[in-house]
């Protein structure tokens, strides 16, 4: 895979990015390639899952474009502020930038959203006409509903009270509080094991996150945008996912009125997210087939 470093600006913040091309893409080649923009889930970095999808898709002849959200690594933006609505803005601005790249066929641009980004790319696709197809993988699509699945009734009430108190304090005092990144995003034991063994080894992963994240999670609902999605959609989900329940994807899929496909994977959340894992290969084959048909 050929990697070309880039950067673009999102709301004035400079974000690092990379254009990925197949190994056989010759220097100075005039051929424009279909381009996939894979997006990280919560706390994700381009070096982790976007690059993983890029390796898989460039091997199938696609270009790919990955980036890190504002506030992560040494990107501009306020460090550790993770708001879903702002990450949608970053994705939309990445799409604007991609259309200016000479290697990209602007009539064949697709989006992939992994984990939390599954919802983000659906909103982006509802707003950006350059998107010809979009895939949501192992996601949730209604933040409050998802939080209710991972907290007991009493714990969820306490969570909402804590979020409201922090919101009030921030408005009155103007200072941010930061905590462990999974304070509002509790991981199941299986996912936590993969995160500790594989993701924390990546430079920059695991920084503390501003408690503004809580209100952003409660507010975000991709289902409100479903009526404006007019391109083919692929929904994939691990049947034994304990972090984001399968019902989240099934609920969103049922609401879609566009051309759509559903793939249930024989896996959990991120237990299969490795280049040579057979379940990941099944996922990539589904993605390749979907985008080839949707963008032909």
C-alpha atoms as a PDB file:
ATOM      1  CA  UNK A   1       0.000   0.000   0.000  1.00  0.00           C
ATOM      2  CA  UNK A   2       1.277   3.455  -0.953  1.00  0.00           C
ATOM      3  CA  UNK A   3       0.798   6.144   1.722  1.00  0.00           C
ATOM      4  CA  UNK A   4       0.815   9.862   0.970  1.00  0.00           C
ATOM      5  CA  UNK A   5       0.675  12.282   3.892  1.00  0.00           C
ATOM      6  CA  UNK A   6      -1.893  15.076   3.694  1.00  0.00           C
ATOM      7  CA  UNK A   7      -3.623  17.575   5.932  1.00  0.00           C
ATOM      8  CA  UNK A   8      -6.866  19.515   5.698  1.00  0.00           C
ATOM      9  CA  UNK A   9      -8.746  22.030   7.808  1.00  0.00           C
ATOM     10  CA  UNK A  10     -11.985  21.410   9.658  1.00  0.00           C
ATOM     11  CA  UNK A  11     -13.585  24.493  11.151  1.00  0.00           C
ATOM     12  CA  UNK A  12     -10.121  26.043  10.902  1.00  0.00           C
ATOM     13  CA  UNK A  13      -8.368  23.208  12.739  1.00  0.00           C
ATOM     14  CA  UNK A  14      -5.497  21.528  10.910  1.00  0.00           C
ATOM     15  CA  UNK A  15      -5.977  17.744  10.834  1.00  0.00           C
ATOM     16  CA  UNK A  16      -3.413  15.177   9.743  1.00  0.00           C
ATOM     17  CA  UNK A  17      -4.542  12.725   7.094  1.00  0.00           C
ATOM     18  CA  UNK A  18      -3.265  10.152   4.631  1.00  0.00           C
ATOM     19  CA  UNK A  19      -4.217   9.078   1.137  1.00  0.00           C
ATOM     20  CA  UNK A  20      -3.730   5.354   0.610  1.00  0.00           C
ATOM     21  CA  UNK A  21      -3.280   3.868  -2.870  1.00  0.00           C
ATOM     22  CA  UNK A  22      -2.768   0.350  -4.244  1.00  0.00           C
ATOM     23  CA  UNK A  23       0.810  -0.814  -4.616  1.00  0.00           C
ATOM     24  CA  UNK A  24       0.410  -0.867  -8.378  1.00  0.00           C
ATOM     25  CA  UNK A  25      -0.605   2.797  -8.574  1.00  0.00           C
ATOM     26  CA  UNK A  26       2.255   4.281 -10.597  1.00  0.00           C
ATOM     27  CA  UNK A  27       3.648   7.734  -9.895  1.00  0.00           C
ATOM     28  CA  UNK A  28       2.029  10.223 -12.237  1.00  0.00           C
ATOM     29  CA  UNK A  29      -0.729   7.767 -13.148  1.00  0.00           C
ATOM     30  CA  UNK A  30      -3.770   9.601 -14.472  1.00  0.00           C
ATOM     31  CA  UNK A  31      -6.315   6.941 -13.534  1.00  0.00           C
ATOM     32  CA  UNK A  32      -8.798   8.166 -10.948  1.00  0.00           C
ATOM     33  CA  UNK A  33      -9.798   5.529  -8.448  1.00  0.00           C
ATOM     34  CA  UNK A  34     -12.941   4.989  -6.417  1.00  0.00           C
ATOM     35  CA  UNK A  35     -12.195   6.207  -2.894  1.00  0.00           C
ATOM     36  CA  UNK A  36     -13.324   4.911   0.480  1.00  0.00           C
ATOM     37  CA  UNK A  37     -13.147   7.177   3.529  1.00  0.00           C
ATOM     38  CA  UNK A  38     -12.969   4.880   6.606  1.00  0.00           C
ATOM     39  CA  UNK A  39     -13.656   6.563   9.947  1.00  0.00           C
ATOM     40  CA  UNK A  40     -12.597   5.682  13.481  1.00  0.00           C
ATOM     41  CA  UNK A  41     -14.932   4.862  16.294  1.00  0.00           C
ATOM     42  CA  UNK A  42     -14.654   6.250  19.808  1.00  0.00           C
ATOM     43  CA  UNK A  43     -11.075   7.034  20.838  1.00  0.00           C
ATOM     44  CA  UNK A  44      -9.953   5.666  17.486  1.00  0.00           C
ATOM     45  CA  UNK A  45      -6.948   6.875  15.561  1.00  0.00           C
ATOM     46  CA  UNK A  46      -6.277   6.685  11.859  1.00  0.00           C
ATOM     47  CA  UNK A  47      -3.347   4.342  12.514  1.00  0.00           C
ATOM     48  CA  UNK A  48      -5.725   1.732  13.951  1.00  0.00           C
ATOM     49  CA  UNK A  49      -8.955   0.842  12.135  1.00  0.00           C
ATOM     50  CA  UNK A  50      -9.021   3.325   9.220  1.00  0.00           C
ATOM     51  CA  UNK A  51      -5.564   2.105   8.208  1.00  0.00           C
ATOM     52  CA  UNK A  52      -6.758  -1.492   8.638  1.00  0.00           C
ATOM     53  CA  UNK A  53      -9.647  -0.884   6.231  1.00  0.00           C
ATOM     54  CA  UNK A  54      -7.331   1.040   3.916  1.00  0.00           C
ATOM     55  CA  UNK A  55      -4.980  -1.949   3.626  1.00  0.00           C
ATOM     56  CA  UNK A  56      -7.905  -4.186   2.776  1.00  0.00           C
ATOM     57  CA  UNK A  57      -9.571  -1.855   0.285  1.00  0.00           C
ATOM     58  CA  UNK A  58      -6.410  -0.747  -1.541  1.00  0.00           C
ATOM     59  CA  UNK A  59      -5.652  -4.438  -2.094  1.00  0.00           C
ATOM     60  CA  UNK A  60      -8.924  -4.491  -4.018  1.00  0.00           C
ATOM     61  CA  UNK A  61      -8.057  -1.497  -6.194  1.00  0.00           C
ATOM     62  CA  UNK A  62      -9.594   1.342  -4.189  1.00  0.00           C
ATOM     63  CA  UNK A  63      -8.013   4.506  -2.900  1.00  0.00           C
ATOM     64  CA  UNK A  64      -8.681   5.261   0.771  1.00  0.00           C
ATOM     65  CA  UNK A  65      -8.430   8.426   2.835  1.00  0.00           C
ATOM     66  CA  UNK A  66      -7.997   8.342   6.596  1.00  0.00           C
ATOM     67  CA  UNK A  67      -7.542  11.036   9.217  1.00  0.00           C
ATOM     68  CA  UNK A  68      -7.502  11.734  12.950  1.00  0.00           C
ATOM     69  CA  UNK A  69     -10.299  13.789  14.484  1.00  0.00           C
ATOM     70  CA  UNK A  70      -9.644  17.217  15.964  1.00  0.00           C
ATOM     71  CA  UNK A  71      -8.185  17.213  19.471  1.00  0.00           C
ATOM     72  CA  UNK A  72      -6.460  13.843  19.058  1.00  0.00           C
ATOM     73  CA  UNK A  73      -2.712  13.224  18.850  1.00  0.00           C
ATOM     74  CA  UNK A  74      -1.107  16.548  17.920  1.00  0.00           C
ATOM     75  CA  UNK A  75      -3.992  17.709  15.727  1.00  0.00           C
ATOM     76  CA  UNK A  76      -5.326  21.185  16.290  1.00  0.00           C
ATOM     77  CA  UNK A  77      -8.516  21.602  18.284  1.00  0.00           C
ATOM     78  CA  UNK A  78      -8.950  21.355  22.042  1.00  0.00           C
ATOM     79  CA  UNK A  79      -7.160  18.235  23.255  1.00  0.00           C
ATOM     80  CA  UNK A  80      -9.476  15.573  24.619  1.00  0.00           C
ATOM     81  CA  UNK A  81     -12.749  17.236  23.606  1.00  0.00           C
ATOM     82  CA  UNK A  82     -14.739  14.512  21.889  1.00  0.00           C
ATOM     83  CA  UNK A  83     -18.130  15.612  20.582  1.00  0.00           C
ATOM     84  CA  UNK A  84     -19.988  13.481  18.068  1.00  0.00           C
ATOM     85  CA  UNK A  85     -21.413  16.478  16.225  1.00  0.00           C
ATOM     86  CA  UNK A  86     -17.928  17.926  15.759  1.00  0.00           C
ATOM     87  CA  UNK A  87     -16.610  14.636  14.440  1.00  0.00           C
ATOM     88  CA  UNK A  88     -19.407  14.627  11.863  1.00  0.00           C
ATOM     89  CA  UNK A  89     -18.108  18.030  10.802  1.00  0.00           C
ATOM     90  CA  UNK A  90     -14.589  16.599  10.463  1.00  0.00           C
ATOM     91  CA  UNK A  91     -15.893  13.759   8.281  1.00  0.00           C
ATOM     92  CA  UNK A  92     -17.815  16.167   6.075  1.00  0.00           C
ATOM     93  CA  UNK A  93     -14.744  18.357   5.619  1.00  0.00           C
ATOM     94  CA  UNK A  94     -12.622  15.312   4.809  1.00  0.00           C
ATOM     95  CA  UNK A  95     -15.105  14.580   2.027  1.00  0.00           C
ATOM     96  CA  UNK A  96     -14.708  18.108   0.682  1.00  0.00           C
ATOM     97  CA  UNK A  97     -10.934  17.668   0.658  1.00  0.00           C
ATOM     98  CA  UNK A  98     -11.026  14.242  -0.982  1.00  0.00           C
ATOM     99  CA  UNK A  99     -12.925  15.644  -3.951  1.00  0.00           C
ATOM    100  CA  UNK A 100      -9.937  17.865  -4.777  1.00  0.00           C
ATOM    101  CA  UNK A 101      -7.432  14.995  -4.939  1.00  0.00           C
ATOM    102  CA  UNK A 102      -6.306  14.157  -8.478  1.00  0.00           C
ATOM    103  CA  UNK A 103      -6.178  10.409  -7.701  1.00  0.00           C
ATOM    104  CA  UNK A 104      -9.860  10.262  -6.709  1.00  0.00           C
ATOM    105  CA  UNK A 105     -12.893   9.629  -8.893  1.00  0.00           C
ATOM    106  CA  UNK A 106     -15.329  12.149  -7.420  1.00  0.00           C
ATOM    107  CA  UNK A 107     -18.281  10.139  -8.749  1.00  0.00           C
ATOM    108  CA  UNK A 108     -17.278   7.090  -6.678  1.00  0.00           C
ATOM    109  CA  UNK A 109     -16.750   8.118  -3.065  1.00  0.00           C
ATOM    110  CA  UNK A 110     -17.890   5.858  -0.243  1.00  0.00           C
ATOM    111  CA  UNK A 111     -17.923   6.083   3.545  1.00  0.00           C
ATOM    112  CA  UNK A 112     -17.173   3.498   6.216  1.00  0.00           C
ATOM    113  CA  UNK A 113     -17.961   4.155   9.864  1.00  0.00           C
ATOM    114  CA  UNK A 114     -16.631   1.785  12.517  1.00  0.00           C
ATOM    115  CA  UNK A 115     -18.194   1.592  15.996  1.00  0.00           C
ATOM    116  CA  UNK A 116     -19.376   5.018  17.117  1.00  0.00           C
ATOM    117  CA  UNK A 117     -18.563   6.377  13.663  1.00  0.00           C
ATOM    118  CA  UNK A 118     -21.260   4.161  12.132  1.00  0.00           C
ATOM    119  CA  UNK A 119     -23.780   6.769  13.261  1.00  0.00           C
ATOM    120  CA  UNK A 120     -21.523   9.657  12.318  1.00  0.00           C
ATOM    121  CA  UNK A 121     -21.146   8.570   8.687  1.00  0.00           C
ATOM    122  CA  UNK A 122     -24.902   8.131   8.322  1.00  0.00           C
ATOM    123  CA  UNK A 123     -25.410  11.773   9.275  1.00  0.00           C
ATOM    124  CA  UNK A 124     -22.581  12.835   6.957  1.00  0.00           C
ATOM    125  CA  UNK A 125     -24.082  10.820   4.097  1.00  0.00           C
ATOM    126  CA  UNK A 126     -27.444  12.507   4.642  1.00  0.00           C
ATOM    127  CA  UNK A 127     -25.801  15.900   4.106  1.00  0.00           C
ATOM    128  CA  UNK A 128     -23.039  15.389   1.518  1.00  0.00           C
ATOM    129  CA  UNK A 129     -24.152  14.655  -2.046  1.00  0.00           C
ATOM    130  CA  UNK A 130     -20.699  13.375  -3.057  1.00  0.00           C
ATOM    131  CA  UNK A 131     -21.267  10.201  -1.008  1.00  0.00           C
ATOM    132  CA  UNK A 132     -22.453   7.379  -3.268  1.00  0.00           C
ATOM    133  CA  UNK A 133     -22.618   4.602  -0.668  1.00  0.00           C
ATOM    134  CA  UNK A 134     -22.153   4.260   3.082  1.00  0.00           C
ATOM    135  CA  UNK A 135     -21.422   1.380   5.460  1.00  0.00           C
ATOM    136  CA  UNK A 136     -22.035   1.306   9.209  1.00  0.00           C
ATOM    137  CA  UNK A 137     -20.120  -1.386  11.102  1.00  0.00           C
ATOM    138  CA  UNK A 138     -20.755  -2.555  14.668  1.00  0.00           C
ATOM    139  CA  UNK A 139     -22.356   0.736  15.589  1.00  0.00           C
ATOM    140  CA  UNK A 140     -25.083   2.303  17.663  1.00  0.00           C
ATOM    141  CA  UNK A 141     -27.377   4.925  16.149  1.00  0.00           C
ATOM    142  CA  UNK A 142     -29.164   6.525  19.101  1.00  0.00           C
ATOM    143  CA  UNK A 143     -26.832   7.614  21.888  1.00  0.00           C
ATOM    144  CA  UNK A 144     -29.319   7.751  24.739  1.00  0.00           C
ATOM    145  CA  UNK A 145     -30.902   4.424  23.817  1.00  0.00           C
ATOM    146  CA  UNK A 146     -27.480   2.789  23.675  1.00  0.00           C
ATOM    147  CA  UNK A 147     -26.486   4.194  27.071  1.00  0.00           C
ATOM    148  CA  UNK A 148     -29.678   2.746  28.545  1.00  0.00           C
ATOM    149  CA  UNK A 149     -28.521  -0.707  27.413  1.00  0.00           C
ATOM    150  CA  UNK A 150     -25.200  -0.518  29.260  1.00  0.00           C
ATOM    151  CA  UNK A 151     -26.410   1.080  32.499  1.00  0.00           C
ATOM    152  CA  UNK A 152     -28.979  -0.156  34.977  1.00  0.00           C
ATOM    153  CA  UNK A 153     -32.031   2.050  35.492  1.00  0.00           C
ATOM    154  CA  UNK A 154     -30.639   3.560  38.703  1.00  0.00           C
ATOM    155  CA  UNK A 155     -27.150   4.003  37.258  1.00  0.00           C
ATOM    156  CA  UNK A 156     -28.573   5.697  34.173  1.00  0.00           C
ATOM    157  CA  UNK A 157     -30.486   8.177  36.325  1.00  0.00           C
ATOM    158  CA  UNK A 158     -27.292   8.969  38.219  1.00  0.00           C
ATOM    159  CA  UNK A 159     -25.440   9.285  34.926  1.00  0.00           C
ATOM    160  CA  UNK A 160     -27.901  11.857  33.583  1.00  0.00           C
ATOM    161  CA  UNK A 161     -27.730  13.807  36.838  1.00  0.00           C
ATOM    162  CA  UNK A 162     -23.923  13.826  36.722  1.00  0.00           C
ATOM    163  CA  UNK A 163     -23.960  15.013  33.110  1.00  0.00           C
ATOM    164  CA  UNK A 164     -26.394  17.816  33.917  1.00  0.00           C
ATOM    165  CA  UNK A 165     -24.383  18.912  36.945  1.00  0.00           C
ATOM    166  CA  UNK A 166     -21.180  18.968  34.908  1.00  0.00           C
ATOM    167  CA  UNK A 167     -22.905  20.936  32.159  1.00  0.00           C
ATOM    168  CA  UNK A 168     -24.081  23.499  34.700  1.00  0.00           C
ATOM    169  CA  UNK A 169     -20.656  23.710  36.327  1.00  0.00           C
ATOM    170  CA  UNK A 170     -18.938  24.205  32.965  1.00  0.00           C
ATOM    171  CA  UNK A 171     -21.335  27.005  32.025  1.00  0.00           C
ATOM    172  CA  UNK A 172     -20.777  28.763  35.360  1.00  0.00           C
ATOM    173  CA  UNK A 173     -17.030  28.268  35.677  1.00  0.00           C
ATOM    174  CA  UNK A 174     -15.807  27.808  32.101  1.00  0.00           C
ATOM    175  CA  UNK A 175     -13.235  25.136  32.924  1.00  0.00           C
ATOM    176  CA  UNK A 176     -13.211  21.619  31.514  1.00  0.00           C
ATOM    177  CA  UNK A 177     -12.945  18.482  33.604  1.00  0.00           C
ATOM    178  CA  UNK A 178     -11.258  15.415  32.127  1.00  0.00           C
ATOM    179  CA  UNK A 179     -11.516  11.790  33.183  1.00  0.00           C
ATOM    180  CA  UNK A 180     -10.659   8.292  32.005  1.00  0.00           C
ATOM    181  CA  UNK A 181     -11.812   7.995  28.370  1.00  0.00           C
ATOM    182  CA  UNK A 182     -14.261   5.237  29.253  1.00  0.00           C
ATOM    183  CA  UNK A 183     -15.971   7.121  32.054  1.00  0.00           C
ATOM    184  CA  UNK A 184     -19.099   7.512  29.927  1.00  0.00           C
ATOM    185  CA  UNK A 185     -18.280   4.677  27.541  1.00  0.00           C
ATOM    186  CA  UNK A 186     -17.997   1.516  29.621  1.00  0.00           C
ATOM    187  CA  UNK A 187     -16.475  -1.466  27.833  1.00  0.00           C
ATOM    188  CA  UNK A 188     -17.584  -5.055  28.189  1.00  0.00           C
ATOM    189  CA  UNK A 189     -14.803  -7.423  29.356  1.00  0.00           C
ATOM    190  CA  UNK A 190     -14.181  -8.934  25.897  1.00  0.00           C
ATOM    191  CA  UNK A 191     -13.796  -5.569  24.184  1.00  0.00           C
ATOM    192  CA  UNK A 192     -11.743  -4.210  27.067  1.00  0.00           C
ATOM    193  CA  UNK A 193      -9.295  -7.077  26.690  1.00  0.00           C
ATOM    194  CA  UNK A 194      -8.705  -6.340  23.004  1.00  0.00           C
ATOM    195  CA  UNK A 195      -8.383  -2.615  23.742  1.00  0.00           C
ATOM    196  CA  UNK A 196      -5.776  -3.152  26.466  1.00  0.00           C
ATOM    197  CA  UNK A 197      -3.731  -5.668  24.506  1.00  0.00           C
ATOM    198  CA  UNK A 198      -3.819  -4.020  21.095  1.00  0.00           C
ATOM    199  CA  UNK A 199      -5.026  -0.409  21.091  1.00  0.00           C
ATOM    200  CA  UNK A 200      -3.194   1.019  24.087  1.00  0.00           C
ATOM    201  CA  UNK A 201       0.030  -0.009  22.361  1.00  0.00           C
ATOM    202  CA  UNK A 202      -0.623   2.633  19.659  1.00  0.00           C
ATOM    203  CA  UNK A 203       1.011   5.988  20.364  1.00  0.00           C
ATOM    204  CA  UNK A 204      -1.531   8.566  21.520  1.00  0.00           C
ATOM    205  CA  UNK A 205      -4.364   6.161  22.289  1.00  0.00           C
ATOM    206  CA  UNK A 206      -6.197   6.506  25.588  1.00  0.00           C
ATOM    207  CA  UNK A 207      -5.940  10.215  26.410  1.00  0.00           C
ATOM    208  CA  UNK A 208      -8.322  11.639  28.993  1.00  0.00           C
ATOM    209  CA  UNK A 209     -11.607  12.959  27.599  1.00  0.00           C
ATOM    210  CA  UNK A 210     -13.584  16.048  28.594  1.00  0.00           C
ATOM    211  CA  UNK A 211     -16.849  15.290  30.391  1.00  0.00           C
ATOM    212  CA  UNK A 212     -18.674  17.213  27.647  1.00  0.00           C
ATOM    213  CA  UNK A 213     -18.691  13.825  25.951  1.00  0.00           C
ATOM    214  CA  UNK A 214     -21.605  12.730  28.140  1.00  0.00           C
ATOM    215  CA  UNK A 215     -24.063  15.346  26.883  1.00  0.00           C
ATOM    216  CA  UNK A 216     -22.949  14.774  23.296  1.00  0.00           C
ATOM    217  CA  UNK A 217     -23.715  11.059  23.622  1.00  0.00           C
ATOM    218  CA  UNK A 218     -27.153  11.734  25.055  1.00  0.00           C
ATOM    219  CA  UNK A 219     -27.999  14.193  22.282  1.00  0.00           C
ATOM    220  CA  UNK A 220     -26.779  12.266  19.244  1.00  0.00           C
ATOM    221  CA  UNK A 221     -29.394  10.394  17.236  1.00  0.00           C
ATOM    222  CA  UNK A 222     -28.613   9.368  13.661  1.00  0.00           C
ATOM    223  CA  UNK A 223     -32.140   8.048  13.227  1.00  0.00           C
ATOM    224  CA  UNK A 224     -33.363  11.624  12.952  1.00  0.00           C
ATOM    225  CA  UNK A 225     -31.530  11.829   9.605  1.00  0.00           C
ATOM    226  CA  UNK A 226     -32.614   8.509   8.139  1.00  0.00           C
ATOM    227  CA  UNK A 227     -35.171  10.061   5.784  1.00  0.00           C
ATOM    228  CA  UNK A 228     -32.441  12.061   4.058  1.00  0.00           C
ATOM    229  CA  UNK A 229     -30.199   9.100   3.265  1.00  0.00           C
ATOM    230  CA  UNK A 230     -30.735   8.438  -0.432  1.00  0.00           C
ATOM    231  CA  UNK A 231     -27.758   6.229  -1.263  1.00  0.00           C
ATOM    232  CA  UNK A 232     -27.194   2.493  -0.734  1.00  0.00           C
ATOM    233  CA  UNK A 233     -26.438   1.538   2.864  1.00  0.00           C
ATOM    234  CA  UNK A 234     -24.653  -1.523   4.215  1.00  0.00           C
ATOM    235  CA  UNK A 235     -25.153  -2.399   7.878  1.00  0.00           C
ATOM    236  CA  UNK A 236     -22.814  -5.014   9.404  1.00  0.00           C
ATOM    237  CA  UNK A 237     -22.827  -6.171  13.006  1.00  0.00           C
ATOM    238  CA  UNK A 238     -21.301  -8.914  15.123  1.00  0.00           C
ATOM    239  CA  UNK A 239     -24.058 -11.209  16.363  1.00  0.00           C
ATOM    240  CA  UNK A 240     -22.439 -11.533  19.787  1.00  0.00           C
ATOM    241  CA  UNK A 241     -21.431  -7.888  20.208  1.00  0.00           C
ATOM    242  CA  UNK A 242     -21.667  -7.009  23.906  1.00  0.00           C
ATOM    243  CA  UNK A 243     -20.584  -3.366  23.592  1.00  0.00           C
ATOM    244  CA  UNK A 244     -23.050  -2.212  20.937  1.00  0.00           C
ATOM    245  CA  UNK A 245     -26.056  -4.561  20.896  1.00  0.00           C
ATOM    246  CA  UNK A 246     -27.127  -6.084  17.591  1.00  0.00           C
ATOM    247  CA  UNK A 247     -30.557  -4.523  18.145  1.00  0.00           C
ATOM    248  CA  UNK A 248     -29.041  -1.085  17.515  1.00  0.00           C
ATOM    249  CA  UNK A 249     -28.167  -2.001  13.931  1.00  0.00           C
ATOM    250  CA  UNK A 250     -31.417  -3.871  13.362  1.00  0.00           C
ATOM    251  CA  UNK A 251     -33.429  -0.864  14.545  1.00  0.00           C
ATOM    252  CA  UNK A 252     -31.586   1.507  12.233  1.00  0.00           C
ATOM    253  CA  UNK A 253     -31.762  -0.901   9.304  1.00  0.00           C
ATOM    254  CA  UNK A 254     -35.532  -1.212   9.620  1.00  0.00           C
ATOM    255  CA  UNK A 255     -35.927   2.573   9.458  1.00  0.00           C
ATOM    256  CA  UNK A 256     -33.966   2.942   6.217  1.00  0.00           C
ATOM    257  CA  UNK A 257     -36.019   3.632   3.085  1.00  0.00           C
ATOM    258  CA  UNK A 258     -33.111   3.444   0.611  1.00  0.00           C
ATOM    259  CA  UNK A 259     -31.386   0.465  -1.013  1.00  0.00           C
ATOM    260  CA  UNK A 260     -29.926  -1.484   1.885  1.00  0.00           C
ATOM    261  CA  UNK A 261     -28.060  -4.628   2.864  1.00  0.00           C
ATOM    262  CA  UNK A 262     -27.643  -6.297   6.244  1.00  0.00           C
ATOM    263  CA  UNK A 263     -24.766  -8.622   7.174  1.00  0.00           C
ATOM    264  CA  UNK A 264     -24.608 -10.366  10.548  1.00  0.00           C
ATOM    265  CA  UNK A 265     -21.041 -11.335  11.370  1.00  0.00           C
ATOM    266  CA  UNK A 266     -19.942 -14.333  13.409  1.00  0.00           C
ATOM    267  CA  UNK A 267     -18.088 -12.200  15.915  1.00  0.00           C
ATOM    268  CA  UNK A 268     -18.313  -9.749  18.798  1.00  0.00           C
ATOM    269  CA  UNK A 269     -17.097  -6.140  18.650  1.00  0.00           C
ATOM    270  CA  UNK A 270     -13.385  -5.907  17.882  1.00  0.00           C
ATOM    271  CA  UNK A 271     -12.239  -9.478  18.485  1.00  0.00           C
ATOM    272  CA  UNK A 272     -11.890 -10.025  14.717  1.00  0.00           C
ATOM    273  CA  UNK A 273     -10.377  -6.662  13.728  1.00  0.00           C
ATOM    274  CA  UNK A 274      -7.068  -8.002  12.435  1.00  0.00           C
ATOM    275  CA  UNK A 275      -5.839  -8.192   8.844  1.00  0.00           C
ATOM    276  CA  UNK A 276      -5.867 -11.969   8.477  1.00  0.00           C
ATOM    277  CA  UNK A 277      -8.763 -12.856  10.778  1.00  0.00           C
ATOM    278  CA  UNK A 278     -11.360 -14.877   8.817  1.00  0.00           C
ATOM    279  CA  UNK A 279     -14.292 -12.825  10.142  1.00  0.00           C
ATOM    280  CA  UNK A 280     -12.543  -9.611   9.125  1.00  0.00           C
ATOM    281  CA  UNK A 281     -11.965 -11.104   5.675  1.00  0.00           C
ATOM    282  CA  UNK A 282     -15.687 -11.906   5.478  1.00  0.00           C
ATOM    283  CA  UNK A 283     -16.458  -8.308   6.413  1.00  0.00           C
ATOM    284  CA  UNK A 284     -14.072  -6.918   3.797  1.00  0.00           C
ATOM    285  CA  UNK A 285     -15.523  -9.165   1.106  1.00  0.00           C
ATOM    286  CA  UNK A 286     -18.978  -7.819   1.966  1.00  0.00           C
ATOM    287  CA  UNK A 287     -17.686  -4.241   1.844  1.00  0.00           C
ATOM    288  CA  UNK A 288     -15.934  -4.760  -1.489  1.00  0.00           C
ATOM    289  CA  UNK A 289     -18.978  -6.367  -3.076  1.00  0.00           C
ATOM    290  CA  UNK A 290     -21.270  -3.670  -1.707  1.00  0.00           C
ATOM    291  CA  UNK A 291     -19.198  -0.702  -2.877  1.00  0.00           C
ATOM    292  CA  UNK A 292     -18.492  -2.252  -6.275  1.00  0.00           C
ATOM    293  CA  UNK A 293     -22.220  -2.662  -6.916  1.00  0.00           C
ATOM    294  CA  UNK A 294     -23.269   0.642  -5.339  1.00  0.00           C
ATOM    295  CA  UNK A 295     -20.688   2.774  -7.136  1.00  0.00           C
ATOM    296  CA  UNK A 296     -20.607   1.077 -10.548  1.00  0.00           C
END
